[in-house]
C-alpha atoms as a PDB file:
ATOM      1  CA  MET A   1     -18.192  15.737  21.216  1.00  0.00           C
ATOM      2  CA  LYS A   2     -15.655  14.425  23.705  1.00  0.00           C
ATOM      3  CA  ILE A   3     -13.069  11.643  23.801  1.00  0.00           C
ATOM      4  CA  ALA A   4     -14.204   9.780  26.908  1.00  0.00           C
ATOM      5  CA  SER A   5     -11.282   7.322  27.000  1.00  0.00           C
ATOM      6  CA  VAL A   6      -8.556   5.578  25.000  1.00  0.00           C
ATOM      7  CA  ALA A   7      -7.050   2.134  25.586  1.00  0.00           C
ATOM      8  CA  SER A   8      -4.494  -0.086  23.877  1.00  0.00           C
ATOM      9  CA  ALA A   9      -3.883  -3.829  23.643  1.00  0.00           C
ATOM     10  CA  PHE A  10      -0.678  -5.586  22.593  1.00  0.00           C
ATOM     11  CA  PRO A  11       0.501  -9.123  21.886  1.00  0.00           C
ATOM     12  CA  GLU A  12       2.668 -10.592  24.639  1.00  0.00           C
ATOM     13  CA  ARG A  13       5.723 -11.316  22.471  1.00  0.00           C
ATOM     14  CA  VAL A  14       8.374  -8.586  22.476  1.00  0.00           C
ATOM     15  CA  HIS A  15      11.464  -8.685  20.258  1.00  0.00           C
ATOM     16  CA  ASN A  16      14.273  -6.179  19.893  1.00  0.00           C
ATOM     17  CA  GLN A  17      15.891  -5.149  16.627  1.00  0.00           C
ATOM     18  CA  ARG A  18      18.935  -7.347  17.188  1.00  0.00           C
ATOM     19  CA  GLU A  19      16.717 -10.429  17.337  1.00  0.00           C
ATOM     20  CA  VAL A  20      14.862  -9.363  14.195  1.00  0.00           C
ATOM     21  CA  VAL A  21      18.134  -8.743  12.337  1.00  0.00           C
ATOM     22  CA  GLU A  22      19.423 -12.185  13.347  1.00  0.00           C
ATOM     23  CA  ARG A  23      16.263 -13.890  12.099  1.00  0.00           C
ATOM     24  CA  LEU A  24      16.180 -11.972   8.803  1.00  0.00           C
ATOM     25  CA  THR A  25      19.880 -12.658   8.270  1.00  0.00           C
ATOM     26  CA  ARG A  26      19.140 -16.375   8.347  1.00  0.00           C
ATOM     27  CA  ILE A  27      16.019 -16.126   6.168  1.00  0.00           C
ATOM     28  CA  TRP A  28      17.643 -13.919   3.526  1.00  0.00           C
ATOM     29  CA  SER A  29      21.058 -15.648   3.597  1.00  0.00           C
ATOM     30  CA  ALA A  30      20.846 -16.196  -0.177  1.00  0.00           C
ATOM     31  CA  HIS A  31      20.898 -12.405  -0.627  1.00  0.00           C
ATOM     32  CA  PRO A  32      24.247 -11.267   0.821  1.00  0.00           C
ATOM     33  CA  SER A  33      23.835  -7.698  -0.447  1.00  0.00           C
ATOM     34  CA  VAL A  34      20.636  -7.403   1.582  1.00  0.00           C
ATOM     35  CA  VAL A  35      22.037  -9.143   4.663  1.00  0.00           C
ATOM     36  CA  SER A  36      25.081  -6.890   4.773  1.00  0.00           C
ATOM     37  CA  ARG A  37      22.836  -3.821   5.009  1.00  0.00           C
ATOM     38  CA  LEU A  38      20.339  -5.167   7.541  1.00  0.00           C
ATOM     39  CA  PRO A  39      21.999  -3.828  10.724  1.00  0.00           C
ATOM     40  CA  ALA A  40      22.308  -0.319   9.269  1.00  0.00           C
ATOM     41  CA  LEU A  41      18.837  -0.214   7.682  1.00  0.00           C
ATOM     42  CA  LEU A  42      16.984  -1.554  10.707  1.00  0.00           C
ATOM     43  CA  GLY A  43      19.162   0.430  13.071  1.00  0.00           C
ATOM     44  CA  ALA A  44      18.093   3.636  11.337  1.00  0.00           C
ATOM     45  CA  CYS A  45      14.383   2.949  11.950  1.00  0.00           C
ATOM     46  CA  GLY A  46      14.441   4.481  15.416  1.00  0.00           C
ATOM     47  CA  VAL A  47      12.838   1.320  16.822  1.00  0.00           C
ATOM     48  CA  GLU A  48      14.281  -0.661  19.739  1.00  0.00           C
ATOM     49  CA  THR A  49      11.465  -3.120  20.504  1.00  0.00           C
ATOM     50  CA  ARG A  50       8.206  -4.245  18.900  1.00  0.00           C
ATOM     51  CA  ARG A  51       5.318  -6.586  19.672  1.00  0.00           C
ATOM     52  CA  PHE A  52       4.603  -9.602  17.446  1.00  0.00           C
ATOM     53  CA  VAL A  53       1.555 -11.883  17.358  1.00  0.00           C
ATOM     54  CA  LEU A  54       3.701 -14.895  16.382  1.00  0.00           C
ATOM     55  CA  PRO A  55       7.139 -16.203  17.360  1.00  0.00           C
ATOM     56  CA  LEU A  56       9.677 -14.912  14.834  1.00  0.00           C
ATOM     57  CA  GLU A  57      10.356 -18.388  13.461  1.00  0.00           C
ATOM     58  CA  ALA A  58       6.636 -18.963  12.743  1.00  0.00           C
ATOM     59  CA  TYR A  59       6.460 -16.307  10.015  1.00  0.00           C
ATOM     60  CA  GLU A  60       8.609 -18.475   7.741  1.00  0.00           C
ATOM     61  CA  THR A  61       6.010 -21.258   7.831  1.00  0.00           C
ATOM     62  CA  LEU A  62       3.241 -19.099   6.349  1.00  0.00           C
ATOM     63  CA  GLU A  63       3.251 -19.098   2.552  1.00  0.00           C
ATOM     64  CA  THR A  64      -0.052 -17.747   1.247  1.00  0.00           C
ATOM     65  CA  PHE A  65      -2.165 -14.654   1.714  1.00  0.00           C
ATOM     66  CA  GLY A  66      -4.937 -16.856   3.108  1.00  0.00           C
ATOM     67  CA  GLN A  67      -2.689 -18.336   5.789  1.00  0.00           C
ATOM     68  CA  PHE A  68      -1.479 -14.922   6.914  1.00  0.00           C
ATOM     69  CA  ASN A  69      -5.035 -13.561   6.856  1.00  0.00           C
ATOM     70  CA  ASP A  70      -6.454 -16.408   8.977  1.00  0.00           C
ATOM     71  CA  VAL A  71      -3.896 -15.618  11.665  1.00  0.00           C
ATOM     72  CA  TRP A  72      -4.767 -11.930  11.305  1.00  0.00           C
ATOM     73  CA  ILE A  73      -8.491 -12.527  11.900  1.00  0.00           C
ATOM     74  CA  ALA A  74      -7.940 -14.638  15.015  1.00  0.00           C
ATOM     75  CA  ASN A  75      -5.526 -12.160  16.605  1.00  0.00           C
ATOM     76  CA  ALA A  76      -7.425  -9.047  15.495  1.00  0.00           C
ATOM     77  CA  LEU A  77     -10.489 -10.326  17.322  1.00  0.00           C
ATOM     78  CA  GLU A  78      -8.582 -11.067  20.516  1.00  0.00           C
ATOM     79  CA  LEU A  79      -6.700  -7.769  20.637  1.00  0.00           C
ATOM     80  CA  GLY A  80      -9.692  -5.754  19.458  1.00  0.00           C
ATOM     81  CA  GLU A  81     -11.918  -7.190  22.156  1.00  0.00           C
ATOM     82  CA  ARG A  82      -9.352  -6.418  24.854  1.00  0.00           C
ATOM     83  CA  ALA A  83      -8.903  -2.825  23.677  1.00  0.00           C
ATOM     84  CA  VAL A  84     -12.662  -2.163  23.479  1.00  0.00           C
ATOM     85  CA  ARG A  85     -13.411  -3.670  26.891  1.00  0.00           C
ATOM     86  CA  THR A  86     -10.660  -1.612  28.545  1.00  0.00           C
ATOM     87  CA  ALA A  87     -11.728   1.619  26.830  1.00  0.00           C
ATOM     88  CA  LEU A  88     -15.382   1.132  27.796  1.00  0.00           C
ATOM     89  CA  SER A  89     -14.385   0.361  31.383  1.00  0.00           C
ATOM     90  CA  ARG A  90     -12.260   3.506  31.605  1.00  0.00           C
ATOM     91  CA  ALA A  91     -15.215   5.546  30.320  1.00  0.00           C
ATOM     92  CA  GLY A  92     -17.614   3.930  32.819  1.00  0.00           C
ATOM     93  CA  LEU A  93     -19.686   2.451  29.981  1.00  0.00           C
ATOM     94  CA  GLU A  94     -21.037  -0.972  29.051  1.00  0.00           C
ATOM     95  CA  PRO A  95     -21.266  -2.648  25.618  1.00  0.00           C
ATOM     96  CA  ARG A  96     -25.041  -2.048  25.615  1.00  0.00           C
ATOM     97  CA  ASP A  97     -24.373   1.723  25.728  1.00  0.00           C
ATOM     98  CA  VAL A  98     -22.607   1.706  22.329  1.00  0.00           C
ATOM     99  CA  ASP A  99     -24.531   3.181  19.405  1.00  0.00           C
ATOM    100  CA  ALA A 100     -21.915   2.908  16.659  1.00  0.00           C
ATOM    101  CA  ILE A 101     -18.518   1.416  15.936  1.00  0.00           C
ATOM    102  CA  VAL A 102     -15.907   2.682  13.476  1.00  0.00           C
ATOM    103  CA  PHE A 103     -13.344  -0.021  12.764  1.00  0.00           C
ATOM    104  CA  THR A 104     -10.174   0.548  10.780  1.00  0.00           C
ATOM    105  CA  THR A 105      -7.278  -1.570   9.606  1.00  0.00           C
ATOM    106  CA  VAL A 106      -4.965  -1.873   6.641  1.00  0.00           C
ATOM    107  CA  THR A 107      -3.234  -5.165   7.482  1.00  0.00           C
ATOM    108  CA  GLY A 108      -5.955  -7.760   6.915  1.00  0.00           C
ATOM    109  CA  ILE A 109      -9.329  -8.416   5.313  1.00  0.00           C
ATOM    110  CA  ALA A 110     -12.481 -10.007   6.708  1.00  0.00           C
ATOM    111  CA  SER A 111     -16.114 -10.213   5.671  1.00  0.00           C
ATOM    112  CA  PRO A 112     -18.041 -10.171   7.948  1.00  0.00           C
ATOM    113  CA  SER A 113     -15.650  -7.501   9.149  1.00  0.00           C
ATOM    114  CA  ILE A 114     -13.941  -7.549  12.541  1.00  0.00           C
ATOM    115  CA  ASP A 115     -16.442  -5.069  13.981  1.00  0.00           C
ATOM    116  CA  ALA A 116     -19.344  -7.405  13.084  1.00  0.00           C
ATOM    117  CA  ARG A 117     -17.622 -10.345  14.759  1.00  0.00           C
ATOM    118  CA  LEU A 118     -16.957  -8.225  17.837  1.00  0.00           C
ATOM    119  CA  CYS A 119     -20.649  -7.356  18.041  1.00  0.00           C
ATOM    120  CA  ASN A 120     -21.284 -11.012  18.835  1.00  0.00           C
ATOM    121  CA  ARG A 121     -18.348 -11.361  21.240  1.00  0.00           C
ATOM    122  CA  LEU A 122     -19.025  -8.126  23.136  1.00  0.00           C
ATOM    123  CA  GLY A 123     -22.811  -8.206  23.148  1.00  0.00           C
ATOM    124  CA  PHE A 124     -23.464  -4.888  21.416  1.00  0.00           C
ATOM    125  CA  ARG A 125     -27.107  -4.007  20.737  1.00  0.00           C
ATOM    126  CA  SER A 126     -28.643  -5.269  17.516  1.00  0.00           C
ATOM    127  CA  ASP A 127     -29.314  -1.700  16.304  1.00  0.00           C
ATOM    128  CA  ILE A 128     -25.625  -0.734  16.406  1.00  0.00           C
ATOM    129  CA  LYS A 129     -24.366   1.184  13.374  1.00  0.00           C
ATOM    130  CA  ARG A 130     -21.142  -0.217  11.882  1.00  0.00           C
ATOM    131  CA  MET A 131     -18.602   1.706   9.786  1.00  0.00           C
ATOM    132  CA  PRO A 132     -15.665  -0.525   8.748  1.00  0.00           C
ATOM    133  CA  LEU A 133     -12.832   1.388   7.030  1.00  0.00           C
ATOM    134  CA  PHE A 134     -10.026  -0.101   4.960  1.00  0.00           C
ATOM    135  CA  GLY A 135      -7.207   1.444   2.940  1.00  0.00           C
ATOM    136  CA  LEU A 136      -6.531   4.665   4.831  1.00  0.00           C
ATOM    137  CA  GLY A 137      -3.360   3.264   6.392  1.00  0.00           C
ATOM    138  CA  CYS A 138      -1.449   5.419   8.859  1.00  0.00           C
ATOM    139  CA  VAL A 139      -3.933   8.297   8.699  1.00  0.00           C
ATOM    140  CA  ALA A 140      -6.899   6.092   9.620  1.00  0.00           C
ATOM    141  CA  GLY A 141      -6.695   6.391  13.404  1.00  0.00           C
ATOM    142  CA  ALA A 142      -7.179  10.145  13.141  1.00  0.00           C
ATOM    143  CA  SER A 143      -9.683   9.823  10.279  1.00  0.00           C
ATOM    144  CA  ALA A 144     -11.787   7.261  12.161  1.00  0.00           C
ATOM    145  CA  LEU A 145     -11.871   9.581  15.177  1.00  0.00           C
ATOM    146  CA  SER A 146     -13.038  12.413  12.906  1.00  0.00           C
ATOM    147  CA  ARG A 147     -15.802  10.266  11.406  1.00  0.00           C
ATOM    148  CA  ALA A 148     -16.902   9.267  14.907  1.00  0.00           C
ATOM    149  CA  ALA A 149     -17.076  12.957  15.798  1.00  0.00           C
ATOM    150  CA  ASP A 150     -19.204  13.582  12.699  1.00  0.00           C
ATOM    151  CA  PHE A 151     -21.627  10.904  13.888  1.00  0.00           C
ATOM    152  CA  ALA A 152     -21.715  12.169  17.477  1.00  0.00           C
ATOM    153  CA  ARG A 153     -22.308  15.724  16.290  1.00  0.00           C
ATOM    154  CA  GLY A 154     -25.583  14.594  14.739  1.00  0.00           C
ATOM    155  CA  ALA A 155     -26.465  12.282  17.640  1.00  0.00           C
ATOM    156  CA  PRO A 156     -25.613  14.170  20.847  1.00  0.00           C
ATOM    157  CA  ASP A 157     -26.638  11.286  23.154  1.00  0.00           C
ATOM    158  CA  SER A 158     -24.490   8.732  21.320  1.00  0.00           C
ATOM    159  CA  VAL A 159     -21.516   6.573  22.280  1.00  0.00           C
ATOM    160  CA  VAL A 160     -19.150   5.673  19.426  1.00  0.00           C
ATOM    161  CA  VAL A 161     -16.363   3.091  19.586  1.00  0.00           C
ATOM    162  CA  VAL A 162     -13.329   3.828  17.394  1.00  0.00           C
ATOM    163  CA  LEU A 163     -11.184   0.714  17.005  1.00  0.00           C
ATOM    164  CA  SER A 164      -7.923   0.255  15.126  1.00  0.00           C
ATOM    165  CA  VAL A 165      -6.211  -3.131  14.891  1.00  0.00           C
ATOM    166  CA  GLU A 166      -2.964  -3.296  12.928  1.00  0.00           C
ATOM    167  CA  LEU A 167      -0.954  -6.525  12.792  1.00  0.00           C
ATOM    168  CA  CYS A 168       1.784  -5.273  10.505  1.00  0.00           C
ATOM    169  CA  SER A 169       4.008  -8.311  11.016  1.00  0.00           C
ATOM    170  CA  LEU A 170       1.448 -10.414   9.115  1.00  0.00           C
ATOM    171  CA  THR A 171       2.130  -8.444   5.929  1.00  0.00           C
ATOM    172  CA  TRP A 172       5.751  -9.681   5.910  1.00  0.00           C
ATOM    173  CA  GLN A 173       6.840 -11.683   2.842  1.00  0.00           C
ATOM    174  CA  LYS A 174      10.024 -13.743   2.892  1.00  0.00           C
ATOM    175  CA  HIS A 175      10.473 -13.544  -0.901  1.00  0.00           C
ATOM    176  CA  ASP A 176      10.413  -9.736  -0.970  1.00  0.00           C
ATOM    177  CA  THR A 177      13.860  -8.197  -0.543  1.00  0.00           C
ATOM    178  CA  SER A 178      13.016  -4.768  -1.950  1.00  0.00           C
ATOM    179  CA  LEU A 179      14.418  -1.826  -0.035  1.00  0.00           C
ATOM    180  CA  ALA A 180      10.956  -0.646   1.020  1.00  0.00           C
ATOM    181  CA  HIS A 181      10.050  -4.071   2.395  1.00  0.00           C
ATOM    182  CA  VAL A 182      13.375  -4.495   4.200  1.00  0.00           C
ATOM    183  CA  ILE A 183      12.901  -1.119   5.902  1.00  0.00           C
ATOM    184  CA  SER A 184       9.287  -1.941   6.807  1.00  0.00           C
ATOM    185  CA  SER A 185      10.548  -5.191   8.398  1.00  0.00           C
ATOM    186  CA  GLY A 186      12.315  -3.031  10.966  1.00  0.00           C
ATOM    187  CA  LEU A 187       9.687  -0.307  11.380  1.00  0.00           C
ATOM    188  CA  PHE A 188       6.168  -1.683  11.835  1.00  0.00           C
ATOM    189  CA  GLY A 189       4.718  -3.501  14.846  1.00  0.00           C
ATOM    190  CA  ASP A 190       1.500  -5.127  16.063  1.00  0.00           C
ATOM    191  CA  GLY A 191      -1.197  -3.811  18.372  1.00  0.00           C
ATOM    192  CA  ALA A 192      -4.661  -2.328  18.784  1.00  0.00           C
ATOM    193  CA  ALA A 193      -6.124   0.876  20.153  1.00  0.00           C
ATOM    194  CA  CYS A 194      -9.669   1.959  20.963  1.00  0.00           C
ATOM    195  CA  ALA A 195     -11.112   5.417  21.631  1.00  0.00           C
ATOM    196  CA  ILE A 196     -14.598   6.168  22.933  1.00  0.00           C
ATOM    197  CA  VAL A 197     -16.269   9.285  21.509  1.00  0.00           C
ATOM    198  CA  VAL A 198     -19.467  10.596  23.110  1.00  0.00           C
ATOM    199  CA  GLY A 199     -21.972  13.250  22.091  1.00  0.00           C
ATOM    200  CA  GLU A 200     -22.314  16.578  23.872  1.00  0.00           C
ATOM    201  CA  ARG A 201     -25.220  15.448  26.075  1.00  0.00           C
ATOM    202  CA  ARG A 202     -23.115  12.748  27.722  1.00  0.00           C
ATOM    203  CA  ALA A 203     -20.743  13.537  30.575  1.00  0.00           C
ATOM    204  CA  ALA A 204     -17.071  12.754  29.964  1.00  0.00           C
ATOM    205  CA  ARG A 205     -13.765  13.927  31.420  1.00  0.00           C
ATOM    206  CA  GLY A 206     -11.710  13.776  28.214  1.00  0.00           C
ATOM    207  CA  PRO A 207     -10.894  16.506  25.719  1.00  0.00           C
ATOM    208  CA  ARG A 208     -13.525  18.012  23.448  1.00  0.00           C
ATOM    209  CA  ILE A 209     -13.210  17.585  19.679  1.00  0.00           C
ATOM    210  CA  VAL A 210     -13.668  21.183  18.519  1.00  0.00           C
ATOM    211  CA  ASP A 211     -13.313  20.573  14.787  1.00  0.00           C
ATOM    212  CA  THR A 212     -11.665  18.305  12.211  1.00  0.00           C
ATOM    213  CA  ARG A 213     -10.049  18.813   8.826  1.00  0.00           C
ATOM    214  CA  SER A 214      -9.223  16.344   6.042  1.00  0.00           C
ATOM    215  CA  VAL A 215      -6.685  17.284   3.379  1.00  0.00           C
ATOM    216  CA  PHE A 216      -6.208  15.292   0.165  1.00  0.00           C
ATOM    217  CA  TYR A 217      -3.123  15.830  -2.002  1.00  0.00           C
ATOM    218  CA  PRO A 218      -3.958  15.220  -5.696  1.00  0.00           C
ATOM    219  CA  ASP A 219      -1.780  12.945  -7.839  1.00  0.00           C
ATOM    220  CA  THR A 220       0.171  11.412  -4.951  1.00  0.00           C
ATOM    221  CA  GLU A 221      -1.154   7.836  -5.205  1.00  0.00           C
ATOM    222  CA  ASP A 222       2.325   6.318  -5.456  1.00  0.00           C
ATOM    223  CA  VAL A 223       3.694   7.863  -2.251  1.00  0.00           C
ATOM    224  CA  MET A 224       2.413   5.167   0.113  1.00  0.00           C
ATOM    225  CA  GLY A 225       0.150   2.117   0.069  1.00  0.00           C
ATOM    226  CA  TRP A 226      -0.027  -1.567  -0.855  1.00  0.00           C
ATOM    227  CA  ARG A 227       0.318  -3.633  -3.981  1.00  0.00           C
ATOM    228  CA  ILE A 228      -1.913  -6.644  -3.334  1.00  0.00           C
ATOM    229  CA  SER A 229      -1.318 -10.007  -5.005  1.00  0.00           C
ATOM    230  CA  GLU A 230      -1.871 -13.699  -4.317  1.00  0.00           C
ATOM    231  CA  ARG A 231       1.050 -13.479  -1.862  1.00  0.00           C
ATOM    232  CA  GLY A 232      -0.558 -10.684   0.107  1.00  0.00           C
ATOM    233  CA  PHE A 233       0.474  -7.108   0.797  1.00  0.00           C
ATOM    234  CA  SER A 234       3.614  -5.589  -0.746  1.00  0.00           C
ATOM    235  CA  ILE A 235       4.428  -2.196   0.680  1.00  0.00           C
ATOM    236  CA  VAL A 236       4.677   0.990  -1.371  1.00  0.00           C
ATOM    237  CA  LEU A 237       6.837   3.407   0.606  1.00  0.00           C
ATOM    238  CA  SER A 238       8.311   6.326  -1.311  1.00  0.00           C
ATOM    239  CA  PRO A 239      11.339   8.327  -0.147  1.00  0.00           C
ATOM    240  CA  ALA A 240       9.130  11.371  -0.869  1.00  0.00           C
ATOM    241  CA  VAL A 241       7.079  10.909   2.323  1.00  0.00           C
ATOM    242  CA  PRO A 242       9.330  13.094   4.540  1.00  0.00           C
ATOM    243  CA  ALA A 243       9.411  15.792   1.857  1.00  0.00           C
ATOM    244  CA  VAL A 244       5.611  15.863   1.639  1.00  0.00           C
ATOM    245  CA  ALA A 245       5.372  16.060   5.431  1.00  0.00           C
ATOM    246  CA  ARG A 246       7.879  18.902   5.585  1.00  0.00           C
ATOM    247  CA  GLU A 247       6.180  20.831   2.786  1.00  0.00           C
ATOM    248  CA  ARG A 248       2.520  20.427   3.759  1.00  0.00           C
ATOM    249  CA  LEU A 249       1.911  19.768   7.470  1.00  0.00           C
ATOM    250  CA  GLY A 250       2.781  23.223   8.821  1.00  0.00           C
ATOM    251  CA  PRO A 251       0.993  25.307   6.174  1.00  0.00           C
ATOM    252  CA  ASP A 252      -2.116  23.107   6.228  1.00  0.00           C
ATOM    253  CA  ALA A 253      -2.224  23.238  10.028  1.00  0.00           C
ATOM    254  CA  ASP A 254      -1.973  27.037   9.856  1.00  0.00           C
ATOM    255  CA  VAL A 255      -4.990  27.256   7.540  1.00  0.00           C
ATOM    256  CA  PHE A 256      -7.029  24.989   9.809  1.00  0.00           C
ATOM    257  CA  LEU A 257      -6.093  26.852  12.978  1.00  0.00           C
ATOM    258  CA  ALA A 258      -6.691  30.265  11.397  1.00  0.00           C
ATOM    259  CA  GLU A 259     -10.329  29.316  10.856  1.00  0.00           C
ATOM    260  CA  HIS A 260     -10.588  29.272  14.657  1.00  0.00           C
ATOM    261  CA  SER A 261      -8.535  32.459  15.087  1.00  0.00           C
ATOM    262  CA  LEU A 262      -5.635  30.393  16.394  1.00  0.00           C
ATOM    263  CA  SER A 263      -1.982  29.881  15.506  1.00  0.00           C
ATOM    264  CA  ARG A 264       0.522  27.157  16.343  1.00  0.00           C
ATOM    265  CA  ALA A 265       1.612  29.233  19.359  1.00  0.00           C
ATOM    266  CA  ASP A 266      -1.854  28.661  20.847  1.00  0.00           C
ATOM    267  CA  ILE A 267      -1.463  24.862  20.818  1.00  0.00           C
ATOM    268  CA  ASP A 268      -0.485  23.412  24.194  1.00  0.00           C
ATOM    269  CA  PHE A 269      -0.081  19.735  23.240  1.00  0.00           C
ATOM    270  CA  TRP A 270       0.527  17.766  20.052  1.00  0.00           C
ATOM    271  CA  VAL A 271      -0.625  14.238  19.164  1.00  0.00           C
ATOM    272  CA  CYS A 272       1.323  13.278  16.056  1.00  0.00           C
ATOM    273  CA  HIS A 273       1.559   9.956  14.228  1.00  0.00           C
ATOM    274  CA  PRO A 274       5.247   8.942  14.392  1.00  0.00           C
ATOM    275  CA  GLY A 275       5.743   7.426  10.905  1.00  0.00           C
ATOM    276  CA  GLY A 276       9.476   6.836  10.996  1.00  0.00           C
ATOM    277  CA  PRO A 277      12.370   8.973  12.234  1.00  0.00           C
ATOM    278  CA  LYS A 278      12.709  10.919   8.977  1.00  0.00           C
ATOM    279  CA  VAL A 279       8.959  11.530   8.755  1.00  0.00           C
ATOM    280  CA  LEU A 280       8.652  12.557  12.396  1.00  0.00           C
ATOM    281  CA  ALA A 281      11.658  14.881  12.129  1.00  0.00           C
ATOM    282  CA  ALA A 282      10.155  16.418   8.965  1.00  0.00           C
ATOM    283  CA  ALA A 283       6.806  16.892  10.737  1.00  0.00           C
ATOM    284  CA  GLY A 284       8.586  18.633  13.601  1.00  0.00           C
ATOM    285  CA  ASP A 285      10.445  20.908  11.173  1.00  0.00           C
ATOM    286  CA  SER A 286       7.268  21.783   9.296  1.00  0.00           C
ATOM    287  CA  LEU A 287       5.288  22.514  12.457  1.00  0.00           C
ATOM    288  CA  GLY A 288       8.173  24.245  14.238  1.00  0.00           C
ATOM    289  CA  LEU A 289       8.188  21.726  17.105  1.00  0.00           C
ATOM    290  CA  ASP A 290      11.161  20.581  19.152  1.00  0.00           C
ATOM    291  CA  HIS A 291      11.895  17.028  20.321  1.00  0.00           C
ATOM    292  CA  GLU A 292      10.199  17.520  23.686  1.00  0.00           C
ATOM    293  CA  GLN A 293       6.922  18.630  22.115  1.00  0.00           C
ATOM    294  CA  LEU A 294       6.878  15.360  20.154  1.00  0.00           C
ATOM    295  CA  ALA A 295       8.445  13.275  22.931  1.00  0.00           C
ATOM    296  CA  LEU A 296       5.542  10.824  23.230  1.00  0.00           C
ATOM    297  CA  ALA A 297       5.612  10.173  19.475  1.00  0.00           C
ATOM    298  CA  TRP A 298       9.369   9.559  19.514  1.00  0.00           C
ATOM    299  CA  ASP A 299       9.049   7.253  22.517  1.00  0.00           C
ATOM    300  CA  SER A 300       6.169   5.314  20.952  1.00  0.00           C
ATOM    301  CA  LEU A 301       8.255   4.770  17.813  1.00  0.00           C
ATOM    302  CA  ARG A 302      11.173   3.568  19.936  1.00  0.00           C
ATOM    303  CA  THR A 303       9.237   1.160  22.143  1.00  0.00           C
ATOM    304  CA  VAL A 304       6.550  -0.326  19.852  1.00  0.00           C
ATOM    305  CA  GLY A 305       7.394   0.842  16.326  1.00  0.00           C
ATOM    306  CA  ASN A 306       4.971   2.262  13.791  1.00  0.00           C
ATOM    307  CA  LEU A 307       1.550   0.631  14.243  1.00  0.00           C
ATOM    308  CA  SER A 308       0.007   2.334  11.215  1.00  0.00           C
ATOM    309  CA  SER A 309      -3.473   3.645  12.099  1.00  0.00           C
ATOM    310  CA  ALA A 310      -3.215   2.597  15.761  1.00  0.00           C
ATOM    311  CA  SER A 311      -0.111   4.694  16.511  1.00  0.00           C
ATOM    312  CA  VAL A 312      -1.754   8.098  16.797  1.00  0.00           C
ATOM    313  CA  LEU A 313      -4.377   6.608  19.142  1.00  0.00           C
ATOM    314  CA  LEU A 314      -1.604   5.093  21.281  1.00  0.00           C
ATOM    315  CA  ILE A 315      -0.031   8.522  21.591  1.00  0.00           C
ATOM    316  CA  LEU A 316      -3.422  10.019  22.420  1.00  0.00           C
ATOM    317  CA  GLU A 317      -3.841   7.405  25.175  1.00  0.00           C
ATOM    318  CA  ARG A 318      -0.460   8.258  26.691  1.00  0.00           C
ATOM    319  CA  THR A 319      -1.228  11.969  26.452  1.00  0.00           C
ATOM    320  CA  LEU A 320      -4.477  11.583  28.398  1.00  0.00           C
ATOM    321  CA  LEU A 321      -2.923   9.248  30.990  1.00  0.00           C
ATOM    322  CA  GLU A 322       0.481  10.902  31.459  1.00  0.00           C
ATOM    323  CA  ARG A 323      -0.070  14.532  30.446  1.00  0.00           C
ATOM    324  CA  PRO A 324      -3.823  15.176  30.735  1.00  0.00           C
ATOM    325  CA  PRO A 325      -4.685  18.612  29.341  1.00  0.00           C
ATOM    326  CA  ALA A 326      -5.929  21.187  31.814  1.00  0.00           C
ATOM    327  CA  PRO A 327      -9.274  22.875  31.162  1.00  0.00           C
ATOM    328  CA  GLY A 328      -8.955  25.288  28.272  1.00  0.00           C
ATOM    329  CA  GLN A 329      -5.702  23.853  26.947  1.00  0.00           C
ATOM    330  CA  ARG A 330      -5.749  23.184  23.208  1.00  0.00           C
ATOM    331  CA  GLY A 331      -4.210  20.320  21.281  1.00  0.00           C
ATOM    332  CA  LEU A 332      -3.742  19.355  17.663  1.00  0.00           C
ATOM    333  CA  MET A 333      -3.876  15.710  16.579  1.00  0.00           C
ATOM    334  CA  LEU A 334      -2.575  14.821  13.127  1.00  0.00           C
ATOM    335  CA  ALA A 335      -1.560  11.965  10.870  1.00  0.00           C
ATOM    336  CA  MET A 336      -0.738  11.305   7.222  1.00  0.00           C
ATOM    337  CA  GLY A 337      -1.437   8.276   5.043  1.00  0.00           C
ATOM    338  CA  PRO A 338      -2.119   6.771   1.616  1.00  0.00           C
ATOM    339  CA  GLY A 339      -3.948   8.932  -0.834  1.00  0.00           C
ATOM    340  CA  PHE A 340      -1.703  10.857  -0.045  1.00  0.00           C
ATOM    341  CA  CYS A 341      -3.609  12.749   2.641  1.00  0.00           C
ATOM    342  CA  ALA A 342      -3.625  14.190   6.140  1.00  0.00           C
ATOM    343  CA  GLU A 343      -6.137  14.502   8.971  1.00  0.00           C
ATOM    344  CA  TYR A 344      -6.248  17.171  11.709  1.00  0.00           C
ATOM    345  CA  LEU A 345      -8.319  17.313  14.893  1.00  0.00           C
ATOM    346  CA  LEU A 346      -8.488  20.384  17.103  1.00  0.00           C
ATOM    347  CA  LEU A 347      -8.880  19.313  20.735  1.00  0.00           C
ATOM    348  CA  GLU A 348      -9.610  21.288  23.900  1.00  0.00           C
ATOM    349  CA  GLY A 349      -9.292  20.190  27.516  1.00  0.00           C
END
């Protein structure tokens, strides 16, 4: 199986952290203890700019889960379609060539799901196989790519679309001034990413997916996720996330690589979900990587924020466009998310 192409799509609106702090200061003016900490908390997120599907002032006008979700559906379709069309074009493929689509999100809900609605907009064949995923959060970009590889392994002539759309700004709630929510208000952004996976009988220039590994950590349900109510999504974000990353990523990667008679020293490039600055630093410590080896992840965090499941695909796109692996070079792609869990993909140029 090979990754034939990757493409991203973003909303046009760009805001920096200063603008976000100013807006939140006005909204949360009745909470002076929160307002006084906003510059420090958002400044520590490692994010300079993010994309938003709505003007900042428009978020205050949305009150219910349904209102937020209607905006999510409309924008998820637009961004998803753009990302898929660009990815197919880069791979030299047409919508009629697609055999399956794996769609993932954790920031909105739709039934029929976004992938079904895109079938109509993009003109996919009527025998397309659809695999919508929800709830995997930040790990889902890597997990969806792994599931696409599973499909392509059994169907060597196949073309599989992997699409992530995450509109994190539409999970914002003006009545929530918890520390986790305040931090998330400065960390997460909006965007979409699409990867095209093809079976071994199809020609493609991208890296080969050699193998994948999923790791589930028992009894860690409260580390990360959502509490869902009539108001929408309330973030669960434990301070334990960096500790879990530091403790588990390196050793679990070693076990996976050893099965292929490899070590971390044999890995030429790394595609790592950025999380936040503490999580990314912990991942680097655990894997023994310096800042330069994770430079694309750090830069993605700085310029667009954490896009949940889409982030690791964004970094994969930049890797293939800016630092394409030479033949024989090996890479390791990884992400962590709710469960708590991790996903690893061994790649080879």
